[in-house]
PDB file of N, CA and C in Angstrom:
ATOM      1  N   MET A   1     -51.569  21.083  17.064  1.00  0.00           N
ATOM      2  CA  MET A   1     -52.887  21.154  17.613  1.00  0.00           C
ATOM      3  C   MET A   1     -53.922  20.212  18.333  1.00  0.00           C
ATOM      4  N   MET A   2     -55.521  20.537  18.589  1.00  0.00           N
ATOM      5  CA  MET A   2     -56.049  19.486  19.598  1.00  0.00           C
ATOM      6  C   MET A   2     -56.450  18.782  19.199  1.00  0.00           C
ATOM      7  N   SER A   3     -56.948  17.389  19.521  1.00  0.00           N
ATOM      8  CA  SER A   3     -57.692  16.756  18.870  1.00  0.00           C
ATOM      9  C   SER A   3     -58.919  17.088  18.705  1.00  0.00           C
ATOM     10  N   TYR A   4     -59.600  15.898  18.642  1.00  0.00           N
ATOM     11  CA  TYR A   4     -61.250  16.436  18.321  1.00  0.00           C
ATOM     12  C   TYR A   4     -61.505  15.829  19.732  1.00  0.00           C
ATOM     13  N   HIS A   5     -61.120  15.228  20.480  1.00  0.00           N
ATOM     14  CA  HIS A   5     -62.402  14.505  21.723  1.00  0.00           C
ATOM     15  C   HIS A   5     -61.214  15.370  23.098  1.00  0.00           C
ATOM     16  N   ALA A   6     -59.945  16.472  22.866  1.00  0.00           N
ATOM     17  CA  ALA A   6     -59.546  17.132  23.932  1.00  0.00           C
ATOM     18  C   ALA A   6     -59.873  18.464  23.564  1.00  0.00           C
ATOM     19  N   ALA A   7     -60.625  19.096  22.603  1.00  0.00           N
ATOM     20  CA  ALA A   7     -61.392  19.454  22.101  1.00  0.00           C
ATOM     21  C   ALA A   7     -63.181  20.257  23.153  1.00  0.00           C
ATOM     22  N   ALA A   8     -63.824  18.823  22.471  1.00  0.00           N
ATOM     23  CA  ALA A   8     -64.114  18.448  23.014  1.00  0.00           C
ATOM     24  C   ALA A   8     -64.957  19.031  24.710  1.00  0.00           C
ATOM     25  N   ALA A   9     -63.838  18.293  25.245  1.00  0.00           N
ATOM     26  CA  ALA A   9     -63.780  18.008  26.692  1.00  0.00           C
ATOM     27  C   ALA A   9     -63.439  19.642  27.313  1.00  0.00           C
ATOM     28  N   ALA A  10     -62.082  20.251  26.898  1.00  0.00           N
ATOM     29  CA  ALA A  10     -62.589  21.919  26.771  1.00  0.00           C
ATOM     30  C   ALA A  10     -63.845  22.893  26.842  1.00  0.00           C
ATOM     31  N   GLU A  11     -64.721  21.979  25.637  1.00  0.00           N
ATOM     32  CA  GLU A  11     -65.759  22.636  25.421  1.00  0.00           C
ATOM     33  C   GLU A  11     -66.708  22.238  26.868  1.00  0.00           C
ATOM     34  N   GLU A  12     -66.471  21.252  27.409  1.00  0.00           N
ATOM     35  CA  GLU A  12     -67.505  20.716  28.186  1.00  0.00           C
ATOM     36  C   GLU A  12     -67.606  21.436  29.274  1.00  0.00           C
ATOM     37  N   ARG A  13     -66.388  21.739  30.178  1.00  0.00           N
ATOM     38  CA  ARG A  13     -65.350  22.633  30.928  1.00  0.00           C
ATOM     39  C   ARG A  13     -65.698  24.044  30.628  1.00  0.00           C
ATOM     40  N   LEU A  14     -66.363  24.597  29.726  1.00  0.00           N
ATOM     41  CA  LEU A  14     -66.500  26.315  29.371  1.00  0.00           C
ATOM     42  C   LEU A  14     -67.849  26.257  29.909  1.00  0.00           C
ATOM     43  N   PHE A  15     -69.381  24.840  29.253  1.00  0.00           N
ATOM     44  CA  PHE A  15     -70.055  25.061  29.216  1.00  0.00           C
ATOM     45  C   PHE A  15     -71.099  24.121  29.524  1.00  0.00           C
ATOM     46  N   SER A  16     -71.057  24.048  30.647  1.00  0.00           N
ATOM     47  CA  SER A  16     -70.895  22.284  31.897  1.00  0.00           C
ATOM     48  C   SER A  16     -72.489  22.993  32.441  1.00  0.00           C
ATOM     49  N   TRP A  17     -72.887  22.388  33.416  1.00  0.00           N
ATOM     50  CA  TRP A  17     -74.032  22.479  34.260  1.00  0.00           C
ATOM     51  C   TRP A  17     -73.469  23.548  35.229  1.00  0.00           C
ATOM     52  N   ARG A  18     -72.140  23.010  36.247  1.00  0.00           N
ATOM     53  CA  ARG A  18     -71.541  22.785  37.261  1.00  0.00           C
ATOM     54  C   ARG A  18     -71.626  24.478  37.078  1.00  0.00           C
ATOM     55  N   ARG A  19     -70.066  25.144  35.816  1.00  0.00           N
ATOM     56  CA  ARG A  19     -70.576  26.628  36.150  1.00  0.00           C
ATOM     57  C   ARG A  19     -71.664  27.572  35.588  1.00  0.00           C
ATOM     58  N   GLY A  20     -72.413  26.643  34.938  1.00  0.00           N
ATOM     59  CA  GLY A  20     -73.462  27.686  35.078  1.00  0.00           C
ATOM     60  C   GLY A  20     -74.495  27.812  36.324  1.00  0.00           C
ATOM     61  N   ALA A  21     -74.199  26.705  37.346  1.00  0.00           N
ATOM     62  CA  ALA A  21     -74.873  27.035  38.312  1.00  0.00           C
ATOM     63  C   ALA A  21     -74.384  27.660  39.930  1.00  0.00           C
ATOM     64  N   ASP A  22     -72.884  27.516  39.612  1.00  0.00           N
ATOM     65  CA  ASP A  22     -71.769  28.802  40.072  1.00  0.00           C
ATOM     66  C   ASP A  22     -71.997  30.295  39.954  1.00  0.00           C
ATOM     67  N   ILE A  23     -71.979  30.145  38.356  1.00  0.00           N
ATOM     68  CA  ILE A  23     -72.637  31.797  37.606  1.00  0.00           C
ATOM     69  C   ILE A  23     -73.892  32.136  38.770  1.00  0.00           C
ATOM     70  N   ALA A  24     -74.707  30.954  38.404  1.00  0.00           N
ATOM     71  CA  ALA A  24     -76.500  32.011  39.942  1.00  0.00           C
ATOM     72  C   ALA A  24     -76.468  31.603  40.305  1.00  0.00           C
ATOM     73  N   GLY A  25     -75.223  31.530  41.505  1.00  0.00           N
ATOM     74  CA  GLY A  25     -75.192  31.370  42.463  1.00  0.00           C
ATOM     75  C   GLY A  25     -74.383  32.644  42.696  1.00  0.00           C
ATOM     76  N   VAL A  26     -73.359  32.869  42.119  1.00  0.00           N
ATOM     77  CA  VAL A  26     -73.098  34.546  42.411  1.00  0.00           C
ATOM     78  C   VAL A  26     -73.676  35.393  42.774  1.00  0.00           C
ATOM     79  N   ILE A  27     -74.689  35.349  41.378  1.00  0.00           N
ATOM     80  CA  ILE A  27     -75.724  36.417  40.463  1.00  0.00           C
ATOM     81  C   ILE A  27     -76.238  36.597  42.142  1.00  0.00           C
ATOM     82  N   ALA A  28     -77.241  35.333  42.119  1.00  0.00           N
ATOM     83  CA  ALA A  28     -77.956  35.667  43.620  1.00  0.00           C
ATOM     84  C   ALA A  28     -77.094  35.665  45.230  1.00  0.00           C
ATOM     85  N   GLY A  29     -76.316  35.856  45.235  1.00  0.00           N
ATOM     86  CA  GLY A  29     -74.939  36.108  46.371  1.00  0.00           C
ATOM     87  C   GLY A  29     -74.834  37.391  46.206  1.00  0.00           C
ATOM     88  N   TRP A  30     -74.491  38.309  45.352  1.00  0.00           N
ATOM     89  CA  TRP A  30     -74.746  39.555  44.408  1.00  0.00           C
ATOM     90  C   TRP A  30     -75.791  40.072  45.204  1.00  0.00           C
ATOM     91  N   ALA A  31     -76.968  39.376  44.455  1.00  0.00           N
ATOM     92  CA  ALA A  31     -77.637  40.372  44.630  1.00  0.00           C
ATOM     93  C   ALA A  31     -79.261  40.326  45.937  1.00  0.00           C
ATOM     94  N   TRP A  32     -78.788  39.692  46.387  1.00  0.00           N
ATOM     95  CA  TRP A  32     -79.201  39.253  48.189  1.00  0.00           C
ATOM     96  C   TRP A  32     -78.235  40.694  48.929  1.00  0.00           C
ATOM     97  N   PHE A  33     -77.392  39.975  48.731  1.00  0.00           N
ATOM     98  CA  PHE A  33     -76.169  41.540  49.752  1.00  0.00           C
ATOM     99  C   PHE A  33     -77.380  42.535  49.149  1.00  0.00           C
ATOM    100  N   ILE A  34     -77.082  42.596  48.347  1.00  0.00           N
ATOM    101  CA  ILE A  34     -77.570  44.336  47.291  1.00  0.00           C
ATOM    102  C   ILE A  34     -79.203  44.678  47.907  1.00  0.00           C
ATOM    103  N   LEU A  35     -79.870  44.124  48.193  1.00  0.00           N
ATOM    104  CA  LEU A  35     -81.019  43.951  48.228  1.00  0.00           C
ATOM    105  C   LEU A  35     -81.891  43.912  49.624  1.00  0.00           C
ATOM    106  N   ALA A  36     -81.234  42.322  50.457  1.00  0.00           N
ATOM    107  CA  ALA A  36     -80.990  42.859  52.388  1.00  0.00           C
ATOM    108  C   ALA A  36     -80.268  43.285  52.605  1.00  0.00           C
ATOM    109  N   GLY A  37     -78.664  42.941  53.006  1.00  0.00           N
ATOM    110  CA  GLY A  37     -77.386  44.059  53.194  1.00  0.00           C
ATOM    111  C   GLY A  37     -77.906  45.228  52.998  1.00  0.00           C
ATOM    112  N   GLY A  38     -77.837  45.700  51.593  1.00  0.00           N
ATOM    113  CA  GLY A  38     -78.717  47.175  51.654  1.00  0.00           C
ATOM    114  C   GLY A  38     -80.018  47.810  52.605  1.00  0.00           C
ATOM    115  N   GLY A  39     -80.350  47.061  52.220  1.00  0.00           N
ATOM    116  CA  GLY A  39     -81.906  47.198  52.960  1.00  0.00           C
ATOM    117  C   GLY A  39     -81.748  47.423  54.352  1.00  0.00           C
ATOM    118  N   GLY A  40     -81.386  46.487  54.521  1.00  0.00           N
ATOM    119  CA  GLY A  40     -81.235  46.374  56.301  1.00  0.00           C
ATOM    120  C   GLY A  40     -79.702  47.677  56.942  1.00  0.00           C
ATOM    121  N   LEU A  41     -79.466  47.466  56.469  1.00  0.00           N
ATOM    122  CA  LEU A  41     -78.227  48.930  56.086  1.00  0.00           C
ATOM    123  C   LEU A  41     -79.205  50.011  56.159  1.00  0.00           C
ATOM    124  N   GLY A  42     -80.246  50.392  54.923  1.00  0.00           N
ATOM    125  CA  GLY A  42     -81.082  51.541  54.977  1.00  0.00           C
ATOM    126  C   GLY A  42     -82.080  51.678  56.113  1.00  0.00           C
ATOM    127  N   LEU A  43     -82.298  50.600  56.960  1.00  0.00           N
ATOM    128  CA  LEU A  43     -83.282  50.923  57.994  1.00  0.00           C
ATOM    129  C   LEU A  43     -82.146  51.422  59.306  1.00  0.00           C
ATOM    130  N   ILE A  44     -81.340  50.863  59.432  1.00  0.00           N
ATOM    131  CA  ILE A  44     -80.405  51.439  60.799  1.00  0.00           C
ATOM    132  C   ILE A  44     -80.220  52.685  60.294  1.00  0.00           C
ATOM    133  N   ILE A  45     -79.940  52.713  59.765  1.00  0.00           N
ATOM    134  CA  ILE A  45     -79.493  54.139  59.432  1.00  0.00           C
ATOM    135  C   ILE A  45     -81.465  54.959  59.272  1.00  0.00           C
ATOM    136  N   LEU A  46     -82.299  54.643  58.936  1.00  0.00           N
ATOM    137  CA  LEU A  46     -83.774  56.009  58.951  1.00  0.00           C
ATOM    138  C   LEU A  46     -84.249  55.879  60.434  1.00  0.00           C
ATOM    139  N   ARG A  47     -83.949  54.099  60.728  1.00  0.00           N
ATOM    140  CA  ARG A  47     -84.871  54.083  61.911  1.00  0.00           C
ATOM    141  C   ARG A  47     -83.984  53.994  63.223  1.00  0.00           C
ATOM    142  N   GLY A  48     -82.117  53.778  63.543  1.00  0.00           N
ATOM    143  CA  GLY A  48     -81.548  53.809  64.198  1.00  0.00           C
ATOM    144  C   GLY A  48     -81.101  52.715  64.546  1.00  0.00           C
ATOM    145  N   PRO A  49     -80.985  52.076  65.544  1.00  0.00           N
ATOM    146  CA  PRO A  49     -79.591  51.005  65.344  1.00  0.00           C
ATOM    147  C   PRO A  49     -80.434  49.938  66.242  1.00  0.00           C
ATOM    148  N   TRP A  50     -81.596  50.628  67.169  1.00  0.00           N
ATOM    149  CA  TRP A  50     -81.632  49.774  68.217  1.00  0.00           C
ATOM    150  C   TRP A  50     -83.114  50.221  67.959  1.00  0.00           C
ATOM    151  N   PRO A  51     -84.323  48.646  68.054  1.00  0.00           N
ATOM    152  CA  PRO A  51     -84.364  47.932  68.586  1.00  0.00           C
ATOM    153  C   PRO A  51     -83.453  47.294  67.629  1.00  0.00           C
ATOM    154  N   LEU A  52     -82.856  45.853  67.987  1.00  0.00           N
ATOM    155  CA  LEU A  52     -82.432  45.195  67.256  1.00  0.00           C
ATOM    156  C   LEU A  52     -83.234  44.573  65.451  1.00  0.00           C
ATOM    157  N   THR A  53     -84.190  44.890  65.516  1.00  0.00           N
ATOM    158  CA  THR A  53     -84.629  44.189  64.168  1.00  0.00           C
ATOM    159  C   THR A  53     -85.020  45.238  63.143  1.00  0.00           C
ATOM    160  N   HIS A  54     -84.239  46.464  63.904  1.00  0.00           N
ATOM    161  CA  HIS A  54     -84.554  47.719  62.934  1.00  0.00           C
ATOM    162  C   HIS A  54     -83.249  47.411  61.779  1.00  0.00           C
ATOM    163  N   GLY A  55     -82.949  46.019  61.009  1.00  0.00           N
ATOM    164  CA  GLY A  55     -82.432  46.387  59.710  1.00  0.00           C
ATOM    165  C   GLY A  55     -81.236  45.391  59.976  1.00  0.00           C
ATOM    166  N   TRP A  56     -80.559  45.002  61.389  1.00  0.00           N
ATOM    167  CA  TRP A  56     -79.640  44.737  61.844  1.00  0.00           C
ATOM    168  C   TRP A  56     -79.984  42.722  61.054  1.00  0.00           C
ATOM    169  N   PHE A  57     -81.313  41.667  61.904  1.00  0.00           N
ATOM    170  CA  PHE A  57     -80.636  40.957  60.743  1.00  0.00           C
ATOM    171  C   PHE A  57     -80.496  40.509  59.387  1.00  0.00           C
ATOM    172  N   ALA A  58     -82.067  41.408  58.239  1.00  0.00           N
ATOM    173  CA  ALA A  58     -81.196  41.745  57.044  1.00  0.00           C
ATOM    174  C   ALA A  58     -80.076  41.401  56.364  1.00  0.00           C
ATOM    175  N   MET A  59     -79.447  42.819  57.075  1.00  0.00           N
ATOM    176  CA  MET A  59     -78.160  43.096  56.894  1.00  0.00           C
ATOM    177  C   MET A  59     -76.818  41.675  56.972  1.00  0.00           C
ATOM    178  N   PHE A  60     -76.870  41.152  58.154  1.00  0.00           N
ATOM    179  CA  PHE A  60     -76.787  39.836  58.437  1.00  0.00           C
ATOM    180  C   PHE A  60     -76.692  39.341  57.701  1.00  0.00           C
ATOM    181  N   SER A  61     -77.792  38.709  56.935  1.00  0.00           N
ATOM    182  CA  SER A  61     -78.296  38.013  56.273  1.00  0.00           C
ATOM    183  C   SER A  61     -77.759  38.506  54.664  1.00  0.00           C
ATOM    184  N   GLY A  62     -77.696  39.433  54.013  1.00  0.00           N
ATOM    185  CA  GLY A  62     -77.076  40.571  52.634  1.00  0.00           C
ATOM    186  C   GLY A  62     -75.539  39.519  53.123  1.00  0.00           C
ATOM    187  N   LEU A  63     -74.849  39.705  54.300  1.00  0.00           N
ATOM    188  CA  LEU A  63     -73.309  39.565  54.588  1.00  0.00           C
ATOM    189  C   LEU A  63     -72.751  38.401  54.498  1.00  0.00           C
ATOM    190  N   ALA A  64     -73.851  37.413  54.435  1.00  0.00           N
ATOM    191  CA  ALA A  64     -73.748  35.886  54.478  1.00  0.00           C
ATOM    192  C   ALA A  64     -73.557  35.090  53.295  1.00  0.00           C
ATOM    193  N   LEU A  65     -74.162  36.036  52.989  1.00  0.00           N
ATOM    194  CA  LEU A  65     -74.557  35.528  51.367  1.00  0.00           C
ATOM    195  C   LEU A  65     -73.814  36.182  50.290  1.00  0.00           C
ATOM    196  N   TRP A  66     -73.294  36.764  50.643  1.00  0.00           N
ATOM    197  CA  TRP A  66     -72.247  37.970  49.525  1.00  0.00           C
ATOM    198  C   TRP A  66     -70.902  37.416  49.318  1.00  0.00           C
ATOM    199  N   PRO A  67     -70.801  36.681  47.069  1.00  0.00           N
ATOM    200  CA  PRO A  67     -69.695  36.196  47.498  1.00  0.00           C
ATOM    201  C   PRO A  67     -68.189  36.548  48.269  1.00  0.00           C
ATOM    202  N   VAL A  68     -68.474  37.528  48.550  1.00  0.00           N
ATOM    203  CA  VAL A  68     -67.044  38.699  49.285  1.00  0.00           C
ATOM    204  C   VAL A  68     -66.542  37.533  50.504  1.00  0.00           C
ATOM    205  N   THR A  69     -67.827  37.655  51.196  1.00  0.00           N
ATOM    206  CA  THR A  69     -67.249  36.544  52.137  1.00  0.00           C
ATOM    207  C   THR A  69     -67.495  35.250  51.758  1.00  0.00           C
ATOM    208  N   ALA A  70     -67.220  35.329  50.865  1.00  0.00           N
ATOM    209  CA  ALA A  70     -66.684  33.909  51.019  1.00  0.00           C
ATOM    210  C   ALA A  70     -64.875  33.466  49.977  1.00  0.00           C
ATOM    211  N   TRP A  71     -65.040  34.341  49.541  1.00  0.00           N
ATOM    212  CA  TRP A  71     -63.777  34.378  48.880  1.00  0.00           C
ATOM    213  C   TRP A  71     -62.947  34.937  49.788  1.00  0.00           C
ATOM    214  N   ALA A  72     -62.913  36.014  51.370  1.00  0.00           N
ATOM    215  CA  ALA A  72     -62.295  36.618  51.954  1.00  0.00           C
ATOM    216  C   ALA A  72     -62.114  35.381  52.989  1.00  0.00           C
ATOM    217  N   SER A  73     -62.528  34.195  53.372  1.00  0.00           N
ATOM    218  CA  SER A  73     -62.553  33.843  54.340  1.00  0.00           C
ATOM    219  C   SER A  73     -61.513  31.997  54.291  1.00  0.00           C
ATOM    220  N   LYS A  74     -62.286  31.988  52.861  1.00  0.00           N
ATOM    221  CA  LYS A  74     -61.325  31.156  52.446  1.00  0.00           C
ATOM    222  C   LYS A  74     -59.944  31.532  52.335  1.00  0.00           C
ATOM    223  N   LYS A  75     -59.278  33.031  51.475  1.00  0.00           N
ATOM    224  CA  LYS A  75     -58.136  33.589  51.528  1.00  0.00           C
ATOM    225  C   LYS A  75     -57.304  33.555  52.888  1.00  0.00           C
ATOM    226  N   TYR A  76     -58.233  34.333  54.151  1.00  0.00           N
ATOM    227  CA  TYR A  76     -57.756  34.557  54.860  1.00  0.00           C
ATOM    228  C   TYR A  76     -57.603  33.548  56.437  1.00  0.00           C
ATOM    229  N   LEU A  77     -58.680  32.975  55.763  1.00  0.00           N
ATOM    230  CA  LEU A  77     -58.803  32.062  56.615  1.00  0.00           C
ATOM    231  C   LEU A  77     -59.094  30.567  56.787  1.00  0.00           C
ATOM    232  N   GLY A  78     -58.343  30.687  55.040  1.00  0.00           N
ATOM    233  CA  GLY A  78     -58.277  29.104  54.591  1.00  0.00           C
ATOM    234  C   GLY A  78     -59.737  28.438  55.261  1.00  0.00           C
ATOM    235  N   VAL A  79     -60.932  28.710  55.281  1.00  0.00           N
ATOM    236  CA  VAL A  79     -62.426  28.279  55.526  1.00  0.00           C
ATOM    237  C   VAL A  79     -62.407  28.341  54.221  1.00  0.00           C
ATOM    238  N   ALA A  80     -63.742  27.174  53.282  1.00  0.00           N
ATOM    239  CA  ALA A  80     -63.714  26.626  51.931  1.00  0.00           C
ATOM    240  C   ALA A  80     -65.647  27.488  52.701  1.00  0.00           C
ATOM    241  N   LEU A  81     -66.185  28.290  52.546  1.00  0.00           N
ATOM    242  CA  LEU A  81     -67.916  27.946  52.324  1.00  0.00           C
ATOM    243  C   LEU A  81     -68.569  27.722  50.873  1.00  0.00           C
ATOM    244  N   LEU A  82     -69.387  26.154  50.896  1.00  0.00           N
ATOM    245  CA  LEU A  82     -69.780  26.618  49.909  1.00  0.00           C
ATOM    246  C   LEU A  82     -71.356  27.306  50.212  1.00  0.00           C
ATOM    247  N   PHE A  83     -71.489  27.454  49.094  1.00  0.00           N
ATOM    248  CA  PHE A  83     -73.086  28.343  48.541  1.00  0.00           C
ATOM    249  C   PHE A  83     -73.890  27.875  49.253  1.00  0.00           C
ATOM    250  N   TRP A  84     -74.280  26.427  49.508  1.00  0.00           N
ATOM    251  CA  TRP A  84     -75.691  26.167  50.287  1.00  0.00           C
ATOM    252  C   TRP A  84     -75.169  26.370  51.823  1.00  0.00           C
ATOM    253  N   VAL A  85     -74.130  25.970  51.862  1.00  0.00           N
ATOM    254  CA  VAL A  85     -74.231  26.584  53.935  1.00  0.00           C
ATOM    255  C   VAL A  85     -74.492  28.075  53.776  1.00  0.00           C
ATOM    256  N   ARG A  86     -73.785  28.491  53.297  1.00  0.00           N
ATOM    257  CA  ARG A  86     -74.012  30.306  53.499  1.00  0.00           C
ATOM    258  C   ARG A  86     -75.308  31.080  53.366  1.00  0.00           C
ATOM    259  N   LEU A  87     -75.803  30.263  51.827  1.00  0.00           N
ATOM    260  CA  LEU A  87     -77.728  29.912  51.553  1.00  0.00           C
ATOM    261  C   LEU A  87     -78.682  29.721  53.050  1.00  0.00           C
ATOM    262  N   GLY A  88     -77.879  28.715  53.841  1.00  0.00           N
ATOM    263  CA  GLY A  88     -79.047  28.265  54.921  1.00  0.00           C
ATOM    264  C   GLY A  88     -78.820  29.596  56.236  1.00  0.00           C
ATOM    265  N   VAL A  89     -77.515  30.163  56.262  1.00  0.00           N
ATOM    266  CA  VAL A  89     -76.877  30.519  57.453  1.00  0.00           C
ATOM    267  C   VAL A  89     -77.678  31.662  56.905  1.00  0.00           C
ATOM    268  N   ALA A  90     -77.842  32.142  55.726  1.00  0.00           N
ATOM    269  CA  ALA A  90     -79.163  33.982  55.532  1.00  0.00           C
ATOM    270  C   ALA A  90     -80.458  33.670  55.898  1.00  0.00           C
ATOM    271  N   ALA A  91     -80.351  32.263  55.064  1.00  0.00           N
ATOM    272  CA  ALA A  91     -81.894  32.287  55.742  1.00  0.00           C
ATOM    273  C   ALA A  91     -82.317  32.135  57.306  1.00  0.00           C
ATOM    274  N   LEU A  92     -81.377  31.256  58.318  1.00  0.00           N
ATOM    275  CA  LEU A  92     -81.292  31.082  59.414  1.00  0.00           C
ATOM    276  C   LEU A  92     -81.382  33.114  60.437  1.00  0.00           C
ATOM    277  N   PHE A  93     -80.420  33.760  59.142  1.00  0.00           N
ATOM    278  CA  PHE A  93     -80.624  35.232  59.754  1.00  0.00           C
ATOM    279  C   PHE A  93     -81.950  35.686  59.953  1.00  0.00           C
ATOM    280  N   ILE A  94     -82.571  35.963  59.039  1.00  0.00           N
ATOM    281  CA  ILE A  94     -84.069  36.088  58.097  1.00  0.00           C
ATOM    282  C   ILE A  94     -84.634  34.806  59.126  1.00  0.00           C
ATOM    283  N   LEU A  95     -84.493  34.675  59.473  1.00  0.00           N
ATOM    284  CA  LEU A  95     -86.146  33.371  60.944  1.00  0.00           C
ATOM    285  C   LEU A  95     -85.173  34.155  61.664  1.00  0.00           C
ATOM    286  N   ALA A  96     -84.130  34.261  62.051  1.00  0.00           N
ATOM    287  CA  ALA A  96     -83.755  35.015  63.343  1.00  0.00           C
ATOM    288  C   ALA A  96     -84.341  36.369  63.874  1.00  0.00           C
ATOM    289  N   GLY A  97     -84.755  36.959  62.631  1.00  0.00           N
ATOM    290  CA  GLY A  97     -85.498  38.785  62.535  1.00  0.00           C
ATOM    291  C   GLY A  97     -86.736  38.613  63.187  1.00  0.00           C
ATOM    292  N   ARG A  98     -86.971  37.683  61.713  1.00  0.00           N
ATOM    293  CA  ARG A  98     -88.483  37.400  62.370  1.00  0.00           C
ATOM    294  C   ARG A  98     -89.660  36.877  63.383  1.00  0.00           C
ATOM    295  N   LEU A  99     -88.467  35.649  64.094  1.00  0.00           N
ATOM    296  CA  LEU A  99     -88.694  35.585  65.661  1.00  0.00           C
ATOM    297  C   LEU A  99     -88.865  36.202  66.440  1.00  0.00           C
ATOM    298  N   ALA A 100     -87.403  37.536  66.440  1.00  0.00           N
ATOM    299  CA  ALA A 100     -87.115  38.351  67.338  1.00  0.00           C
ATOM    300  C   ALA A 100     -88.678  39.306  67.036  1.00  0.00           C
ATOM    301  N   LEU A 101     -88.945  39.552  65.775  1.00  0.00           N
ATOM    302  CA  LEU A 101     -89.576  40.493  65.119  1.00  0.00           C
ATOM    303  C   LEU A 101     -91.711  40.263  66.394  1.00  0.00           C
ATOM    304  N   LEU A 102     -91.866  38.697  66.547  1.00  0.00           N
ATOM    305  CA  LEU A 102     -92.933  38.289  66.615  1.00  0.00           C
ATOM    306  C   LEU A 102     -92.678  38.170  68.277  1.00  0.00           C
ATOM    307  N   PHE A 103     -91.993  37.905  69.387  1.00  0.00           N
ATOM    308  CA  PHE A 103     -91.540  37.861  70.618  1.00  0.00           C
ATOM    309  C   PHE A 103     -90.842  38.567  71.320  1.00  0.00           C
ATOM    310  N   LEU A 104     -89.935  38.629  70.028  1.00  0.00           N
ATOM    311  CA  LEU A 104     -89.050  39.727  71.610  1.00  0.00           C
ATOM    312  C   LEU A 104     -89.321  41.378  71.321  1.00  0.00           C
ATOM    313  N   TRP A 105     -89.236  41.780  70.621  1.00  0.00           N
ATOM    314  CA  TRP A 105     -89.800  43.778  70.070  1.00  0.00           C
ATOM    315  C   TRP A 105     -90.715  43.388  68.847  1.00  0.00           C
ATOM    316  N   PRO A 106     -91.808  43.287  69.403  1.00  0.00           N
ATOM    317  CA  PRO A 106     -93.331  43.684  68.789  1.00  0.00           C
ATOM    318  C   PRO A 106     -93.526  44.778  68.579  1.00  0.00           C
ATOM    319  N   PRO A 107     -93.122  45.358  67.123  1.00  0.00           N
ATOM    320  CA  PRO A 107     -94.256  46.780  66.869  1.00  0.00           C
ATOM    321  C   PRO A 107     -95.128  46.920  67.818  1.00  0.00           C
ATOM    322  N   ALA A 108     -94.997  48.326  67.894  1.00  0.00           N
ATOM    323  CA  ALA A 108     -95.910  49.561  68.521  1.00  0.00           C
ATOM    324  C   ALA A 108     -97.165  49.181  67.406  1.00  0.00           C
ATOM    325  N   ARG A 109     -97.961  49.283  68.356  1.00  0.00           N
ATOM    326  CA  ARG A 109     -99.008  49.416  67.051  1.00  0.00           C
ATOM    327  C   ARG A 109    -100.007  50.709  67.827  1.00  0.00           C
TER     328      ARG A 109
END
């Protein structure tokens, strides 16, 4: 039988802040993948692949934050991608898309 301290330590591991943050990060990654990645792909399908502002930046932002990207990177490349790094890359893709829309390919008026 487990002692009280071992049982308390096991319970703490199951319900820790770290575990909750990990779960929230996975949910946020999947949600962003579906919203930004799916929306970007939808724009590419509906409006065509050119100019690059038609969904490419949003799609790559969704792929950057997708939890499967982190899993595949760790499994096949041996590189662990932290959530904060993937979040930063996803934000940079969105920022780059907005800047390209402002300066390179302004929408026709």
